[in-house]
N, C-alpha and C. Protein backbone atom coordinates (compact mmCIF):
# COMPACT_ATOMS: atom_id res chain seq x y z
N UNK A 1 -53.98 124.81 95.96
CA UNK A 1 -54.61 123.50 95.92
C UNK A 1 -55.96 123.49 96.63
N UNK A 2 -56.15 124.37 97.62
CA UNK A 2 -57.40 124.38 98.36
C UNK A 2 -58.52 124.95 97.51
N UNK A 3 -59.72 124.41 97.69
CA UNK A 3 -60.88 124.90 96.96
C UNK A 3 -61.39 126.18 97.60
N UNK A 4 -61.89 127.09 96.78
CA UNK A 4 -62.46 128.31 97.29
C UNK A 4 -63.85 128.05 97.85
N UNK A 5 -64.21 128.78 98.90
CA UNK A 5 -65.51 128.67 99.53
C UNK A 5 -66.12 130.06 99.57
N UNK A 6 -66.87 130.46 98.53
CA UNK A 6 -67.32 131.84 98.38
C UNK A 6 -67.97 132.44 99.62
N UNK A 7 -68.87 131.69 100.28
CA UNK A 7 -69.56 132.26 101.44
C UNK A 7 -68.60 132.49 102.60
N UNK A 8 -67.79 131.46 102.91
CA UNK A 8 -66.85 131.58 104.02
C UNK A 8 -65.78 132.62 103.74
N UNK A 9 -65.41 132.78 102.47
CA UNK A 9 -64.36 133.75 102.12
C UNK A 9 -64.74 135.17 102.48
N UNK A 10 -66.05 135.45 102.58
CA UNK A 10 -66.50 136.79 102.95
C UNK A 10 -66.11 137.10 104.40
N UNK A 11 -66.10 136.07 105.25
CA UNK A 11 -65.81 136.26 106.67
C UNK A 11 -64.39 135.84 107.04
N UNK A 12 -63.87 134.82 106.34
CA UNK A 12 -62.51 134.34 106.58
C UNK A 12 -61.75 134.33 105.26
N UNK A 13 -61.39 135.50 104.76
CA UNK A 13 -60.74 135.55 103.45
C UNK A 13 -59.42 134.80 103.44
N UNK A 14 -59.13 134.06 102.38
CA UNK A 14 -57.87 133.32 102.30
C UNK A 14 -56.69 134.27 102.14
N UNK A 15 -55.53 133.77 102.53
CA UNK A 15 -54.32 134.57 102.43
C UNK A 15 -53.36 133.95 101.42
N UNK A 16 -52.52 134.77 100.86
CA UNK A 16 -51.49 134.28 99.95
C UNK A 16 -50.52 133.41 100.74
N UNK A 17 -50.26 132.20 100.29
CA UNK A 17 -49.34 131.34 101.04
C UNK A 17 -47.90 131.83 101.02
N UNK A 18 -47.58 132.72 100.11
CA UNK A 18 -46.20 133.19 99.96
C UNK A 18 -45.89 134.42 100.81
N UNK A 19 -46.78 135.42 100.77
CA UNK A 19 -46.51 136.65 101.52
C UNK A 19 -47.43 136.84 102.71
N UNK A 20 -48.53 136.10 102.77
CA UNK A 20 -49.43 136.18 103.90
C UNK A 20 -50.51 137.24 103.78
N UNK A 21 -50.52 138.02 102.69
CA UNK A 21 -51.54 139.06 102.52
C UNK A 21 -52.90 138.43 102.22
N UNK A 22 -53.97 139.13 102.65
CA UNK A 22 -55.32 138.69 102.32
C UNK A 22 -55.52 138.81 100.82
N UNK A 23 -56.06 137.75 100.20
CA UNK A 23 -56.29 137.75 98.76
C UNK A 23 -57.56 138.53 98.42
N UNK A 24 -57.53 139.28 97.32
CA UNK A 24 -58.75 139.95 96.87
C UNK A 24 -59.84 138.92 96.61
N UNK A 25 -61.09 139.31 96.84
CA UNK A 25 -62.20 138.37 96.67
C UNK A 25 -62.22 137.84 95.23
N UNK A 26 -62.38 136.54 95.13
CA UNK A 26 -62.47 135.91 93.82
C UNK A 26 -61.15 135.46 93.25
N UNK A 27 -60.02 135.83 93.91
CA UNK A 27 -58.71 135.44 93.39
C UNK A 27 -58.18 134.24 94.15
N UNK A 28 -57.45 133.39 93.46
CA UNK A 28 -56.80 132.24 94.09
C UNK A 28 -55.28 132.41 94.15
N UNK A 29 -54.79 133.53 93.61
CA UNK A 29 -53.37 133.80 93.70
C UNK A 29 -53.17 135.27 94.02
N UNK A 30 -51.98 135.60 94.47
CA UNK A 30 -51.67 136.96 94.90
C UNK A 30 -51.10 137.75 93.72
N UNK A 31 -51.68 138.92 93.40
CA UNK A 31 -51.18 139.70 92.27
C UNK A 31 -49.79 140.27 92.50
N UNK A 32 -49.34 140.29 93.77
CA UNK A 32 -48.03 140.86 94.07
C UNK A 32 -46.92 139.81 94.15
N UNK A 33 -47.30 138.55 94.05
CA UNK A 33 -46.31 137.48 94.20
C UNK A 33 -46.19 136.65 92.93
N UNK A 34 -45.00 136.16 92.71
CA UNK A 34 -44.80 135.18 91.64
C UNK A 34 -44.83 133.80 92.27
N UNK A 35 -45.87 133.00 92.03
CA UNK A 35 -45.98 131.70 92.68
C UNK A 35 -44.77 130.81 92.41
N UNK A 36 -44.37 130.09 93.42
CA UNK A 36 -43.29 129.13 93.29
C UNK A 36 -43.85 127.86 92.68
N UNK A 37 -43.25 127.38 91.63
CA UNK A 37 -43.75 126.18 90.98
C UNK A 37 -43.29 124.93 91.74
N UNK A 38 -44.22 124.10 92.16
CA UNK A 38 -43.83 122.87 92.87
C UNK A 38 -43.21 121.87 91.92
N UNK A 39 -42.42 120.99 92.47
CA UNK A 39 -41.79 119.92 91.72
C UNK A 39 -41.68 118.73 92.67
N UNK A 40 -41.00 117.69 92.26
CA UNK A 40 -40.74 116.56 93.16
C UNK A 40 -39.25 116.48 93.40
N UNK A 41 -38.85 116.87 94.61
CA UNK A 41 -37.44 116.84 95.00
C UNK A 41 -37.21 115.62 95.88
N UNK A 42 -36.29 114.77 95.47
CA UNK A 42 -36.01 113.54 96.21
C UNK A 42 -34.73 113.68 97.01
N UNK A 43 -34.75 113.10 98.20
CA UNK A 43 -33.56 113.02 99.02
C UNK A 43 -33.38 111.62 99.53
N UNK A 44 -32.18 111.29 99.97
CA UNK A 44 -31.87 109.96 100.53
C UNK A 44 -31.23 110.16 101.89
N UNK A 45 -31.91 109.72 102.94
CA UNK A 45 -31.42 109.91 104.31
C UNK A 45 -30.69 108.64 104.74
N UNK A 46 -29.41 108.73 105.06
CA UNK A 46 -28.66 107.53 105.48
C UNK A 46 -29.16 107.01 106.82
N UNK A 47 -29.21 105.69 106.95
CA UNK A 47 -29.66 105.04 108.18
C UNK A 47 -28.48 104.36 108.88
N UNK A 48 -28.56 104.20 110.20
CA UNK A 48 -27.46 103.56 110.94
C UNK A 48 -27.12 102.16 110.45
N UNK A 49 -28.13 101.44 109.90
CA UNK A 49 -27.88 100.08 109.44
C UNK A 49 -27.36 100.02 108.01
N UNK A 50 -27.07 101.19 107.45
CA UNK A 50 -26.54 101.24 106.09
C UNK A 50 -27.60 101.40 105.02
N UNK A 51 -28.87 101.24 105.38
CA UNK A 51 -29.95 101.43 104.43
C UNK A 51 -30.18 102.93 104.19
N UNK A 52 -31.03 103.23 103.24
CA UNK A 52 -31.34 104.61 102.91
C UNK A 52 -32.84 104.83 103.04
N UNK A 53 -33.22 105.92 103.71
CA UNK A 53 -34.63 106.27 103.87
C UNK A 53 -35.01 107.28 102.79
N UNK A 54 -35.90 106.91 101.86
CA UNK A 54 -36.28 107.85 100.80
C UNK A 54 -37.18 108.96 101.34
N UNK A 55 -36.96 110.16 100.85
CA UNK A 55 -37.75 111.31 101.28
C UNK A 55 -37.96 112.23 100.08
N UNK A 56 -39.17 112.74 99.93
CA UNK A 56 -39.48 113.65 98.82
C UNK A 56 -40.27 114.84 99.33
N UNK A 57 -40.23 115.93 98.58
CA UNK A 57 -40.97 117.14 98.94
C UNK A 57 -41.32 117.91 97.67
N UNK A 58 -42.39 118.69 97.71
CA UNK A 58 -42.76 119.49 96.55
C UNK A 58 -41.99 120.79 96.42
N UNK A 59 -41.26 121.20 97.49
CA UNK A 59 -40.57 122.48 97.47
C UNK A 59 -39.21 122.37 98.12
N UNK A 60 -38.35 123.32 97.79
CA UNK A 60 -37.11 123.54 98.51
C UNK A 60 -37.39 124.55 99.63
N UNK A 61 -36.66 124.42 100.73
CA UNK A 61 -36.86 125.29 101.88
C UNK A 61 -36.04 126.57 101.69
N UNK A 62 -36.62 127.49 100.93
CA UNK A 62 -35.94 128.74 100.63
C UNK A 62 -36.96 129.78 100.19
N UNK A 63 -36.55 131.05 100.27
CA UNK A 63 -37.38 132.14 99.77
C UNK A 63 -38.78 132.18 100.36
N UNK A 64 -39.77 132.32 99.47
CA UNK A 64 -41.16 132.45 99.90
C UNK A 64 -41.67 131.20 100.60
N UNK A 65 -41.19 130.02 100.20
CA UNK A 65 -41.62 128.78 100.84
C UNK A 65 -41.12 128.73 102.28
N UNK A 66 -39.91 129.16 102.50
CA UNK A 66 -39.37 129.19 103.87
C UNK A 66 -40.22 130.11 104.73
N UNK A 67 -40.55 131.30 104.23
CA UNK A 67 -41.36 132.24 105.00
C UNK A 67 -42.74 131.67 105.30
N UNK A 68 -43.33 131.00 104.30
CA UNK A 68 -44.66 130.42 104.50
C UNK A 68 -44.62 129.33 105.57
N UNK A 69 -43.59 128.48 105.55
CA UNK A 69 -43.50 127.41 106.54
C UNK A 69 -43.22 127.95 107.94
N UNK A 70 -42.47 129.03 108.04
CA UNK A 70 -42.24 129.64 109.35
C UNK A 70 -43.54 130.21 109.91
N UNK A 71 -44.36 130.81 109.06
CA UNK A 71 -45.65 131.32 109.52
C UNK A 71 -46.56 130.18 109.94
N UNK A 72 -46.53 129.09 109.18
CA UNK A 72 -47.35 127.92 109.49
C UNK A 72 -46.91 127.28 110.81
N UNK A 73 -45.61 127.16 110.99
CA UNK A 73 -45.08 126.43 112.13
C UNK A 73 -45.09 127.23 113.43
N UNK A 74 -44.81 128.53 113.34
CA UNK A 74 -44.61 129.31 114.55
C UNK A 74 -45.62 130.44 114.76
N UNK A 75 -46.37 130.82 113.72
CA UNK A 75 -47.23 132.00 113.85
C UNK A 75 -48.71 131.70 113.71
N UNK A 76 -49.06 130.44 113.82
CA UNK A 76 -50.46 130.08 113.90
C UNK A 76 -51.25 130.10 112.61
N UNK A 77 -50.59 130.19 111.45
CA UNK A 77 -51.33 130.21 110.18
C UNK A 77 -51.60 128.76 109.74
N UNK A 78 -52.49 128.11 110.49
CA UNK A 78 -52.74 126.68 110.29
C UNK A 78 -53.44 126.39 108.97
N UNK A 79 -54.05 127.41 108.36
CA UNK A 79 -54.71 127.17 107.07
C UNK A 79 -53.71 126.78 105.98
N UNK A 80 -52.43 127.05 106.20
CA UNK A 80 -51.41 126.66 105.23
C UNK A 80 -51.21 125.15 105.18
N UNK A 81 -51.73 124.44 106.15
CA UNK A 81 -51.64 122.97 106.13
C UNK A 81 -52.28 122.42 104.87
N UNK A 82 -53.45 122.94 104.50
CA UNK A 82 -54.14 122.46 103.30
C UNK A 82 -53.34 122.76 102.04
N UNK A 83 -52.70 123.93 102.00
CA UNK A 83 -51.90 124.32 100.83
C UNK A 83 -50.76 123.32 100.62
N UNK A 84 -49.98 123.07 101.65
CA UNK A 84 -48.83 122.17 101.52
C UNK A 84 -49.26 120.71 101.39
N UNK A 85 -50.31 120.33 102.12
CA UNK A 85 -50.76 118.93 102.09
C UNK A 85 -51.25 118.54 100.70
N UNK A 86 -51.84 119.49 99.98
CA UNK A 86 -52.30 119.18 98.63
C UNK A 86 -51.17 118.76 97.72
N UNK A 87 -50.02 119.42 97.82
CA UNK A 87 -48.86 119.07 97.00
C UNK A 87 -48.18 117.80 97.50
N UNK A 88 -48.18 117.61 98.82
CA UNK A 88 -47.65 116.36 99.37
C UNK A 88 -48.45 115.17 98.85
N UNK A 89 -49.78 115.30 98.89
CA UNK A 89 -50.66 114.23 98.41
C UNK A 89 -50.46 113.99 96.92
N UNK A 90 -50.21 115.05 96.18
CA UNK A 90 -50.00 114.92 94.74
C UNK A 90 -48.77 114.06 94.44
N UNK A 91 -47.69 114.28 95.20
CA UNK A 91 -46.48 113.46 95.02
C UNK A 91 -46.77 112.00 95.36
N UNK A 92 -47.48 111.78 96.46
CA UNK A 92 -47.79 110.40 96.87
C UNK A 92 -48.55 109.66 95.79
N UNK A 93 -49.48 110.35 95.13
CA UNK A 93 -50.28 109.70 94.10
C UNK A 93 -49.52 109.56 92.80
N UNK A 94 -48.80 110.61 92.38
CA UNK A 94 -48.08 110.56 91.11
C UNK A 94 -46.93 109.55 91.15
N UNK A 95 -46.27 109.45 92.30
CA UNK A 95 -45.14 108.52 92.43
C UNK A 95 -45.60 107.11 92.80
N UNK A 96 -46.90 106.97 93.04
CA UNK A 96 -47.48 105.67 93.42
C UNK A 96 -46.71 105.05 94.58
N UNK A 97 -46.53 105.84 95.63
CA UNK A 97 -45.78 105.38 96.79
C UNK A 97 -46.54 104.26 97.50
N UNK A 98 -45.84 103.21 97.89
CA UNK A 98 -46.51 102.10 98.58
C UNK A 98 -46.68 102.41 100.07
N UNK A 99 -47.90 102.54 100.53
CA UNK A 99 -48.14 102.75 101.95
C UNK A 99 -49.56 102.28 102.29
N UNK A 100 -49.72 101.94 103.56
CA UNK A 100 -51.03 101.51 104.05
C UNK A 100 -51.60 102.47 105.09
N UNK A 101 -50.74 103.35 105.63
CA UNK A 101 -51.19 104.29 106.64
C UNK A 101 -50.28 105.51 106.64
N UNK A 102 -50.85 106.67 106.95
CA UNK A 102 -50.07 107.90 107.11
C UNK A 102 -49.92 108.21 108.59
N UNK A 103 -48.76 108.74 108.95
CA UNK A 103 -48.56 109.25 110.30
C UNK A 103 -47.62 110.43 110.22
N UNK A 104 -47.31 111.03 111.36
CA UNK A 104 -46.47 112.23 111.35
C UNK A 104 -45.42 112.18 112.44
N UNK A 105 -44.39 112.98 112.27
CA UNK A 105 -43.39 113.20 113.32
C UNK A 105 -44.07 114.03 114.41
N UNK A 106 -44.16 113.53 115.64
CA UNK A 106 -44.88 114.27 116.69
C UNK A 106 -44.00 115.31 117.37
N UNK A 107 -44.62 116.38 117.80
CA UNK A 107 -43.92 117.34 118.65
C UNK A 107 -44.20 116.95 120.11
N UNK A 108 -43.48 117.54 121.04
CA UNK A 108 -43.66 117.20 122.45
C UNK A 108 -44.99 117.76 122.96
N UNK A 109 -45.57 117.11 123.97
CA UNK A 109 -46.82 117.64 124.56
C UNK A 109 -46.68 119.07 125.05
N UNK A 110 -45.51 119.40 125.63
CA UNK A 110 -45.28 120.76 126.12
C UNK A 110 -45.29 121.76 124.96
N UNK A 111 -44.62 121.39 123.86
CA UNK A 111 -44.56 122.30 122.72
C UNK A 111 -45.93 122.43 122.06
N UNK A 112 -46.68 121.34 122.01
CA UNK A 112 -48.02 121.39 121.45
C UNK A 112 -48.93 122.28 122.29
N UNK A 113 -48.81 122.18 123.61
CA UNK A 113 -49.61 123.00 124.51
C UNK A 113 -49.27 124.47 124.32
N UNK A 114 -47.99 124.77 124.19
CA UNK A 114 -47.56 126.16 124.03
C UNK A 114 -47.96 126.73 122.68
N UNK A 115 -47.82 125.91 121.62
CA UNK A 115 -48.12 126.37 120.27
C UNK A 115 -49.61 126.30 119.96
N UNK A 116 -50.28 125.32 120.54
CA UNK A 116 -51.70 125.16 120.31
C UNK A 116 -52.05 124.15 119.23
N UNK A 117 -51.05 123.60 118.58
CA UNK A 117 -51.29 122.62 117.51
C UNK A 117 -49.99 121.91 117.18
N UNK A 118 -50.13 120.78 116.50
CA UNK A 118 -49.00 119.99 116.02
C UNK A 118 -49.00 120.12 114.50
N UNK A 119 -48.06 120.86 113.96
CA UNK A 119 -48.08 121.15 112.52
C UNK A 119 -47.94 119.89 111.67
N UNK A 120 -47.16 118.92 112.15
CA UNK A 120 -47.01 117.67 111.41
C UNK A 120 -48.31 116.90 111.33
N UNK A 121 -49.06 116.87 112.44
CA UNK A 121 -50.34 116.18 112.45
C UNK A 121 -51.33 116.86 111.52
N UNK A 122 -51.32 118.19 111.48
CA UNK A 122 -52.21 118.91 110.57
C UNK A 122 -51.90 118.56 109.11
N UNK A 123 -50.61 118.51 108.78
CA UNK A 123 -50.21 118.16 107.42
C UNK A 123 -50.63 116.74 107.07
N UNK A 124 -50.36 115.81 107.99
CA UNK A 124 -50.65 114.40 107.71
C UNK A 124 -52.16 114.16 107.59
N UNK A 125 -52.94 114.77 108.46
CA UNK A 125 -54.40 114.61 108.39
C UNK A 125 -54.95 115.18 107.08
N UNK A 126 -54.45 116.36 106.70
CA UNK A 126 -54.93 116.99 105.47
C UNK A 126 -54.52 116.18 104.24
N UNK A 127 -53.27 115.66 104.25
CA UNK A 127 -52.81 114.84 103.12
C UNK A 127 -53.62 113.55 103.03
N UNK A 128 -53.90 112.93 104.19
CA UNK A 128 -54.68 111.70 104.21
C UNK A 128 -56.08 111.94 103.64
N UNK A 129 -56.65 113.10 103.94
CA UNK A 129 -57.97 113.43 103.41
C UNK A 129 -57.92 113.57 101.89
N UNK A 130 -56.86 114.19 101.38
CA UNK A 130 -56.71 114.35 99.92
C UNK A 130 -56.56 113.00 99.24
N UNK A 131 -55.77 112.13 99.83
CA UNK A 131 -55.48 110.83 99.23
C UNK A 131 -56.60 109.82 99.51
N UNK A 132 -57.41 110.14 100.53
CA UNK A 132 -58.45 109.21 101.00
C UNK A 132 -57.81 107.93 101.53
N UNK A 133 -56.83 108.16 102.39
CA UNK A 133 -56.10 107.06 103.02
C UNK A 133 -56.18 107.22 104.53
N UNK A 134 -55.97 106.16 105.29
CA UNK A 134 -56.08 106.27 106.76
C UNK A 134 -54.91 107.02 107.37
N UNK A 135 -55.23 107.83 108.38
CA UNK A 135 -54.21 108.51 109.18
C UNK A 135 -54.31 107.98 110.60
N UNK A 136 -53.15 107.67 111.22
CA UNK A 136 -53.12 107.27 112.61
C UNK A 136 -51.90 107.89 113.30
N UNK A 137 -52.06 108.44 114.50
CA UNK A 137 -50.91 108.95 115.25
C UNK A 137 -50.14 107.79 115.88
N UNK A 138 -49.12 107.32 115.20
CA UNK A 138 -48.42 106.11 115.63
C UNK A 138 -47.27 106.36 116.60
N UNK A 139 -46.73 107.58 116.59
CA UNK A 139 -45.50 107.85 117.32
C UNK A 139 -45.70 108.78 118.50
N UNK A 140 -44.80 108.66 119.47
CA UNK A 140 -44.76 109.58 120.60
C UNK A 140 -43.30 109.91 120.90
N UNK A 141 -43.10 110.99 121.63
CA UNK A 141 -41.75 111.34 122.06
C UNK A 141 -41.47 110.71 123.41
N UNK A 142 -40.37 110.04 123.52
CA UNK A 142 -39.99 109.38 124.77
C UNK A 142 -39.40 110.37 125.76
N UNK A 143 -38.85 111.46 125.26
CA UNK A 143 -38.23 112.46 126.11
C UNK A 143 -38.25 113.80 125.41
N UNK A 144 -38.08 114.85 126.19
CA UNK A 144 -38.02 116.19 125.60
C UNK A 144 -36.65 116.38 124.95
N UNK A 145 -36.64 116.96 123.75
CA UNK A 145 -35.38 117.21 123.05
C UNK A 145 -35.30 118.68 122.67
N UNK A 146 -34.11 119.13 122.44
CA UNK A 146 -33.92 120.51 121.98
C UNK A 146 -34.46 120.64 120.56
N UNK A 147 -34.95 121.83 120.22
CA UNK A 147 -35.43 122.05 118.86
C UNK A 147 -34.25 121.96 117.89
N UNK A 148 -34.45 121.20 116.82
CA UNK A 148 -33.37 120.90 115.90
C UNK A 148 -32.79 122.15 115.23
N UNK A 149 -33.64 123.16 114.97
CA UNK A 149 -33.12 124.32 114.24
C UNK A 149 -32.14 125.16 115.06
N UNK A 150 -32.04 124.88 116.38
CA UNK A 150 -31.06 125.57 117.21
C UNK A 150 -29.69 124.88 117.17
N UNK A 151 -29.65 123.67 116.63
CA UNK A 151 -28.41 122.90 116.57
C UNK A 151 -27.79 123.03 115.19
N UNK A 152 -26.56 123.48 115.13
CA UNK A 152 -25.95 123.82 113.84
C UNK A 152 -25.26 122.64 113.17
N UNK A 153 -24.70 121.74 113.94
CA UNK A 153 -23.94 120.64 113.33
C UNK A 153 -24.82 119.43 113.08
N UNK A 154 -24.47 118.68 112.05
CA UNK A 154 -25.21 117.46 111.73
C UNK A 154 -25.11 116.45 112.86
N UNK A 155 -23.92 116.28 113.45
CA UNK A 155 -23.74 115.33 114.54
C UNK A 155 -24.62 115.69 115.73
N UNK A 156 -24.70 116.98 116.06
CA UNK A 156 -25.52 117.41 117.20
C UNK A 156 -26.99 117.09 116.96
N UNK A 157 -27.45 117.25 115.74
CA UNK A 157 -28.85 116.96 115.43
C UNK A 157 -29.15 115.47 115.54
N UNK A 158 -28.25 114.64 115.05
CA UNK A 158 -28.46 113.19 115.12
C UNK A 158 -28.38 112.71 116.57
N UNK A 159 -27.44 113.24 117.35
CA UNK A 159 -27.34 112.86 118.76
C UNK A 159 -28.56 113.31 119.54
N UNK A 160 -29.12 114.45 119.17
CA UNK A 160 -30.25 115.02 119.89
C UNK A 160 -31.50 114.14 119.82
N UNK A 161 -31.70 113.45 118.69
CA UNK A 161 -32.93 112.67 118.50
C UNK A 161 -32.72 111.16 118.66
N UNK A 162 -31.50 110.74 118.99
CA UNK A 162 -31.24 109.30 119.12
C UNK A 162 -32.13 108.70 120.22
N UNK A 163 -32.91 107.68 119.87
CA UNK A 163 -33.82 107.01 120.81
C UNK A 163 -34.85 107.94 121.43
N UNK A 164 -35.19 109.01 120.72
CA UNK A 164 -36.15 109.99 121.27
C UNK A 164 -37.59 109.65 120.94
N UNK A 165 -37.82 108.70 120.04
CA UNK A 165 -39.18 108.38 119.61
C UNK A 165 -39.51 106.91 119.85
N UNK A 166 -40.78 106.65 120.07
CA UNK A 166 -41.25 105.28 120.23
C UNK A 166 -42.67 105.19 119.67
N UNK A 167 -43.07 104.00 119.35
CA UNK A 167 -44.45 103.78 118.89
C UNK A 167 -45.39 103.86 120.09
N UNK A 168 -46.53 104.47 119.88
CA UNK A 168 -47.51 104.61 120.96
C UNK A 168 -48.00 103.25 121.44
N UNK A 169 -48.33 103.14 122.72
CA UNK A 169 -48.90 101.89 123.23
C UNK A 169 -50.17 101.53 122.46
N UNK A 170 -50.29 100.27 122.11
CA UNK A 170 -51.45 99.72 121.41
C UNK A 170 -51.59 100.21 119.96
N UNK A 171 -50.60 100.96 119.47
CA UNK A 171 -50.64 101.37 118.06
C UNK A 171 -50.32 100.18 117.16
N UNK A 172 -51.09 99.99 116.11
CA UNK A 172 -50.89 98.89 115.18
C UNK A 172 -49.88 99.30 114.11
N UNK A 173 -48.71 98.71 114.18
CA UNK A 173 -47.64 99.05 113.24
C UNK A 173 -47.14 97.82 112.48
N UNK A 174 -47.13 96.69 113.14
CA UNK A 174 -46.57 95.48 112.52
C UNK A 174 -47.26 95.17 111.18
N UNK A 175 -46.44 95.01 110.16
CA UNK A 175 -46.94 94.68 108.83
C UNK A 175 -47.37 95.87 107.99
N UNK A 176 -47.32 97.08 108.56
CA UNK A 176 -47.76 98.26 107.83
C UNK A 176 -46.63 98.85 106.99
N UNK A 177 -47.03 99.51 105.90
CA UNK A 177 -46.14 100.35 105.12
C UNK A 177 -46.52 101.79 105.44
N UNK A 178 -45.60 102.52 106.07
CA UNK A 178 -45.93 103.81 106.66
C UNK A 178 -45.44 104.96 105.79
N UNK A 179 -46.32 105.92 105.55
CA UNK A 179 -45.95 107.18 104.90
C UNK A 179 -45.79 108.21 106.02
N UNK A 180 -44.55 108.59 106.29
CA UNK A 180 -44.21 109.47 107.41
C UNK A 180 -44.16 110.92 106.92
N UNK A 181 -44.94 111.79 107.55
CA UNK A 181 -45.09 113.18 107.12
C UNK A 181 -44.44 114.13 108.13
N UNK A 182 -43.76 115.16 107.62
CA UNK A 182 -43.25 116.24 108.47
C UNK A 182 -43.23 117.52 107.65
N UNK A 183 -42.93 118.63 108.30
CA UNK A 183 -42.94 119.91 107.59
C UNK A 183 -41.65 120.16 106.81
N UNK A 184 -40.50 119.94 107.45
CA UNK A 184 -39.22 120.26 106.82
C UNK A 184 -38.22 119.14 107.10
N UNK A 185 -37.44 118.78 106.10
CA UNK A 185 -36.33 117.84 106.29
C UNK A 185 -35.03 118.59 106.03
N UNK A 186 -34.17 118.62 107.03
CA UNK A 186 -32.87 119.31 106.88
C UNK A 186 -31.76 118.27 106.80
N UNK A 187 -31.33 117.74 107.94
CA UNK A 187 -30.35 116.65 107.91
C UNK A 187 -31.05 115.30 107.78
N UNK A 188 -32.34 115.26 108.11
CA UNK A 188 -33.07 114.00 108.08
C UNK A 188 -32.97 113.22 109.38
N UNK A 189 -32.33 113.79 110.40
CA UNK A 189 -32.11 113.06 111.65
C UNK A 189 -33.42 112.69 112.34
N UNK A 190 -34.36 113.62 112.41
CA UNK A 190 -35.63 113.35 113.09
C UNK A 190 -36.43 112.30 112.34
N UNK A 191 -36.50 112.41 111.03
CA UNK A 191 -37.21 111.42 110.23
C UNK A 191 -36.58 110.04 110.38
N UNK A 192 -35.26 109.99 110.41
CA UNK A 192 -34.55 108.74 110.57
C UNK A 192 -34.88 108.08 111.90
N UNK A 193 -34.87 108.89 112.99
CA UNK A 193 -35.17 108.35 114.31
C UNK A 193 -36.59 107.81 114.38
N UNK A 194 -37.54 108.49 113.75
CA UNK A 194 -38.93 108.02 113.72
C UNK A 194 -39.05 106.74 112.90
N UNK A 195 -38.37 106.69 111.77
CA UNK A 195 -38.41 105.49 110.92
C UNK A 195 -37.83 104.28 111.66
N UNK A 196 -36.76 104.49 112.42
CA UNK A 196 -36.19 103.38 113.19
C UNK A 196 -37.17 102.85 114.21
N UNK A 197 -37.88 103.76 114.89
CA UNK A 197 -38.87 103.33 115.88
C UNK A 197 -40.00 102.54 115.22
N UNK A 198 -40.42 102.96 114.05
CA UNK A 198 -41.50 102.26 113.33
C UNK A 198 -41.04 100.88 112.89
N UNK A 199 -39.82 100.79 112.39
CA UNK A 199 -39.31 99.49 111.93
C UNK A 199 -39.11 98.53 113.10
N UNK A 200 -38.62 99.06 114.22
CA UNK A 200 -38.42 98.21 115.39
C UNK A 200 -39.75 97.65 115.91
N UNK A 201 -40.84 98.39 115.63
CA UNK A 201 -42.16 97.93 116.05
C UNK A 201 -42.82 97.02 115.02
N UNK A 202 -42.12 96.76 113.91
CA UNK A 202 -42.62 95.79 112.95
C UNK A 202 -43.11 96.35 111.63
N UNK A 203 -42.94 97.65 111.38
CA UNK A 203 -43.34 98.21 110.09
C UNK A 203 -42.52 97.57 108.98
N UNK A 204 -43.17 97.21 107.88
CA UNK A 204 -42.47 96.59 106.76
C UNK A 204 -41.68 97.59 105.94
N UNK A 205 -42.14 98.82 105.91
CA UNK A 205 -41.45 99.84 105.13
C UNK A 205 -41.86 101.23 105.56
N UNK A 206 -40.96 102.21 105.35
CA UNK A 206 -41.23 103.60 105.68
C UNK A 206 -40.71 104.48 104.54
N UNK A 207 -41.53 105.42 104.10
CA UNK A 207 -41.10 106.42 103.14
C UNK A 207 -41.58 107.77 103.67
N UNK A 208 -40.80 108.82 103.41
CA UNK A 208 -41.09 110.13 104.00
C UNK A 208 -41.50 111.15 102.94
N UNK A 209 -42.45 111.99 103.30
CA UNK A 209 -42.80 113.15 102.50
C UNK A 209 -42.84 114.37 103.42
N UNK A 210 -42.23 115.45 102.98
CA UNK A 210 -42.27 116.69 103.74
C UNK A 210 -42.70 117.83 102.83
N UNK A 211 -43.06 118.94 103.44
CA UNK A 211 -43.45 120.11 102.64
C UNK A 211 -42.25 120.68 101.89
N UNK A 212 -41.06 120.58 102.50
CA UNK A 212 -39.87 121.15 101.86
C UNK A 212 -38.62 120.41 102.31
N UNK A 213 -37.63 120.39 101.44
CA UNK A 213 -36.30 119.87 101.75
C UNK A 213 -35.36 121.05 101.92
N UNK A 214 -34.53 120.99 102.95
CA UNK A 214 -33.61 122.08 103.23
C UNK A 214 -32.17 121.60 103.17
N UNK A 215 -31.27 122.52 102.89
CA UNK A 215 -29.85 122.22 102.96
C UNK A 215 -29.38 121.29 101.85
N UNK A 216 -28.12 120.90 101.98
CA UNK A 216 -27.48 120.04 100.97
C UNK A 216 -27.05 118.70 101.56
N UNK A 217 -27.45 118.44 102.78
CA UNK A 217 -27.01 117.21 103.42
C UNK A 217 -27.85 116.02 103.01
N UNK A 218 -29.06 116.30 102.52
CA UNK A 218 -29.90 115.21 102.02
C UNK A 218 -29.70 115.15 100.52
N UNK A 219 -29.13 114.10 100.07
CA UNK A 219 -28.74 113.99 98.66
C UNK A 219 -29.67 113.07 97.89
N UNK A 220 -30.02 113.42 96.64
CA UNK A 220 -30.80 112.51 95.78
C UNK A 220 -30.00 111.24 95.51
């Protein structure tokens, strides 16, 4: 999805989003990889009040996409934000999702300091640029939580994020329709906790888009 930049490519050659290899000059795809075709995968995240939080993604969290997201999230390959954000933005436009502002699931300040970036913020900013819509960091973490991928049970993941998020002081949320962005949705617990915080602060509606959907717990 990203546009090629011939001059910059000489010094910062793009990499294949699937295997991570440097692409030959002039190519936009990797000759050694079979590109994964994006689609629109819908999930429904159950809410404590009985409502359902809609969530969509262009990919399933498996194979080459899983490896690409791990490199993006943990190995500093931040250029992959543009790759995934382009497909996220495409879903938002094709599905005509109702929203007035984009935001992201925030990571903790300690984790951001250690990693050097917030992958969700990179995705949301890049998607907002593609859609030409406003991005605002609306959420913060109220407390440090364990990383969700270390927790194996669904109950443990939901308990881990309960009341863990709040709207930032002075953030304008009341009356907004929020498009909530994250990298991966597995059980949907983190997205659900963020959506609850946004609604409690007066958001009229929340819909989620992620780079990939994982597991079978999020059902269409």
